[in-house]
Amino acid sequence: MQDLWWQIKDVDSFTVYVALGFAAVVCWFIHEIVRSPMLAWVSTPFLAAGGIVAPTLLARRMITLSYDKTVNTVMATAVGTLAMLLLILLTTWLWALLVEFRVSRTKLAAIPTRPRRIRG
């Protein structure tokens, strides 16, 4: 685990720039399609982290997506960003299910009404 941190520390600047670019594009898509700027801003660091960590993890497992180093970096970064996007979507979906379940179990209290006054 400690050598993973050292490998992440030694990530080149090209990988970081590509990950930030992918994160910015996905953030913009979330902002425009979902119309949720807060979700877009909150998910941006996670998307960037997924794009930075994915090439390191794929290299540790000796998984090569392309023989060209630049193309391999871009593809691994894209895979990491998309994997993190799927994780964010799954978390958001599970949270919505949990909230819906909690709301459906609440018992609504009836509001007592005043009796009608008899006019005479």
Protein backbone atom coordinates (compact mmCIF):
# COMPACT_ATOMS: atom_id res chain seq x y z
CA MET A 1 0.00 0.00 0.00
CA GLN A 2 2.83 2.36 0.81
CA ASP A 3 4.47 1.85 -2.57
CA LEU A 4 1.13 2.73 -4.18
CA TRP A 5 1.33 6.15 -2.50
CA TRP A 6 4.89 6.57 -3.79
CA GLN A 7 3.79 5.64 -7.31
CA ILE A 8 0.89 8.11 -7.14
CA LYS A 9 3.33 10.76 -5.92
CA ASP A 10 5.51 10.15 -8.98
CA VAL A 11 2.69 10.62 -11.51
CA ASP A 12 3.80 12.80 -14.39
CA SER A 13 2.20 16.14 -15.15
CA PHE A 14 0.65 14.90 -18.41
CA THR A 15 -1.49 12.41 -16.49
CA VAL A 16 -2.57 15.10 -14.03
CA TYR A 17 -3.52 17.53 -16.83
CA VAL A 18 -5.46 14.87 -18.73
CA ALA A 19 -7.27 13.81 -15.54
CA LEU A 20 -8.17 17.42 -14.75
CA GLY A 21 -9.39 17.90 -18.32
CA PHE A 22 -11.60 14.82 -18.17
CA ALA A 23 -12.89 15.85 -14.74
CA ALA A 24 -13.73 19.33 -16.04
CA VAL A 25 -15.60 17.93 -19.04
CA VAL A 26 -17.59 15.48 -16.92
CA CYS A 27 -18.27 18.26 -14.39
CA TRP A 28 -19.63 20.42 -17.19
CA PHE A 29 -21.82 17.53 -18.45
CA ILE A 30 -23.21 16.98 -14.95
CA HIS A 31 -23.89 20.69 -14.63
CA GLU A 32 -25.67 20.91 -18.00
CA ILE A 33 -27.51 17.58 -18.12
CA VAL A 34 -28.50 17.09 -14.49
CA ARG A 35 -28.79 20.84 -13.77
CA SER A 36 -27.08 20.36 -10.43
CA PRO A 37 -24.11 22.68 -9.98
CA MET A 38 -23.50 21.48 -6.43
CA LEU A 39 -23.22 17.83 -7.54
CA ALA A 40 -20.88 18.93 -10.32
CA TRP A 41 -18.58 20.84 -7.97
CA VAL A 42 -18.59 18.15 -5.29
CA SER A 43 -17.85 15.34 -7.74
CA THR A 44 -14.99 17.11 -9.57
CA PRO A 45 -12.20 16.22 -7.08
CA PHE A 46 -13.34 12.60 -6.99
CA LEU A 47 -13.36 12.40 -10.77
CA ALA A 48 -9.87 13.91 -10.94
CA ALA A 49 -8.61 11.50 -8.28
CA GLY A 50 -10.05 8.55 -10.19
CA GLY A 51 -8.32 9.74 -13.35
CA ILE A 52 -4.98 10.12 -11.54
CA VAL A 53 -5.08 6.80 -9.67
CA ALA A 54 -6.31 4.61 -12.55
CA PRO A 55 -3.10 4.62 -14.66
CA THR A 56 -1.09 3.71 -11.57
CA LEU A 57 -3.41 0.85 -10.64
CA LEU A 58 -3.51 -0.47 -14.21
CA ALA A 59 0.28 -0.29 -14.43
CA ARG A 60 0.61 -2.21 -11.15
CA ARG A 61 -1.64 -4.95 -12.53
CA MET A 62 0.35 -4.84 -15.81
CA ILE A 63 -2.75 -4.02 -17.84
CA THR A 64 -1.87 -2.14 -21.00
CA LEU A 65 -4.65 -0.65 -23.08
CA SER A 66 -2.36 0.50 -25.90
CA TYR A 67 1.28 0.08 -26.82
CA ASP A 68 1.76 3.82 -27.25
CA LYS A 69 2.59 5.40 -23.88
CA THR A 70 0.60 8.59 -24.50
CA VAL A 71 -2.49 6.77 -25.73
CA ASN A 72 -2.24 4.31 -22.84
CA THR A 73 -2.13 7.20 -20.35
CA VAL A 74 -5.14 8.92 -21.90
CA MET A 75 -7.17 5.70 -22.07
CA ALA A 76 -6.32 4.69 -18.50
CA THR A 77 -7.23 8.15 -17.28
CA ALA A 78 -10.54 7.99 -19.14
CA VAL A 79 -11.28 4.56 -17.65
CA GLY A 80 -10.54 5.86 -14.16
CA THR A 81 -12.72 8.93 -14.63
CA LEU A 82 -15.61 6.86 -15.96
CA ALA A 83 -15.24 4.32 -13.15
CA MET A 84 -15.40 7.11 -10.59
CA LEU A 85 -18.41 8.61 -12.39
CA LEU A 86 -20.19 5.25 -12.15
CA LEU A 87 -19.31 5.07 -8.46
CA ILE A 88 -20.72 8.57 -7.90
CA LEU A 89 -23.91 7.69 -9.79
CA LEU A 90 -24.31 4.47 -7.80
CA THR A 91 -23.81 6.33 -4.53
CA THR A 92 -26.34 9.01 -5.53
CA TRP A 93 -28.86 6.37 -6.58
CA LEU A 94 -28.45 4.40 -3.34
CA TRP A 95 -28.82 7.61 -1.31
CA ALA A 96 -32.05 8.46 -3.16
CA LEU A 97 -33.38 4.95 -2.49
CA LEU A 98 -32.53 5.25 1.20
CA VAL A 99 -34.24 8.62 1.51
CA GLU A 100 -37.29 7.38 -0.38
CA PHE A 101 -37.49 4.32 1.90
CA ARG A 102 -37.25 6.46 5.03
CA VAL A 103 -39.91 8.87 3.80
CA SER A 104 -42.30 6.08 2.83
CA ARG A 105 -42.10 4.59 6.35
CA THR A 106 -43.08 7.77 8.16
CA LYS A 107 -46.61 7.88 9.48
CA LEU A 108 -48.39 11.12 8.80
CA ALA A 109 -50.20 12.58 11.76
CA ALA A 110 -53.72 13.77 11.13
CA ILE A 111 -54.31 17.44 11.84
CA PRO A 112 -57.27 17.82 14.19
CA THR A 113 -60.00 20.04 12.87
CA ARG A 114 -62.17 22.33 14.94
CA PRO A 115 -65.81 21.39 15.19
CA ARG A 116 -68.16 23.64 13.28
CA ARG A 117 -69.74 26.41 15.19
CA ILE A 118 -73.48 26.44 15.15
CA ARG A 119 -74.83 29.81 14.15
CA GLY A 120 -78.09 30.67 15.62
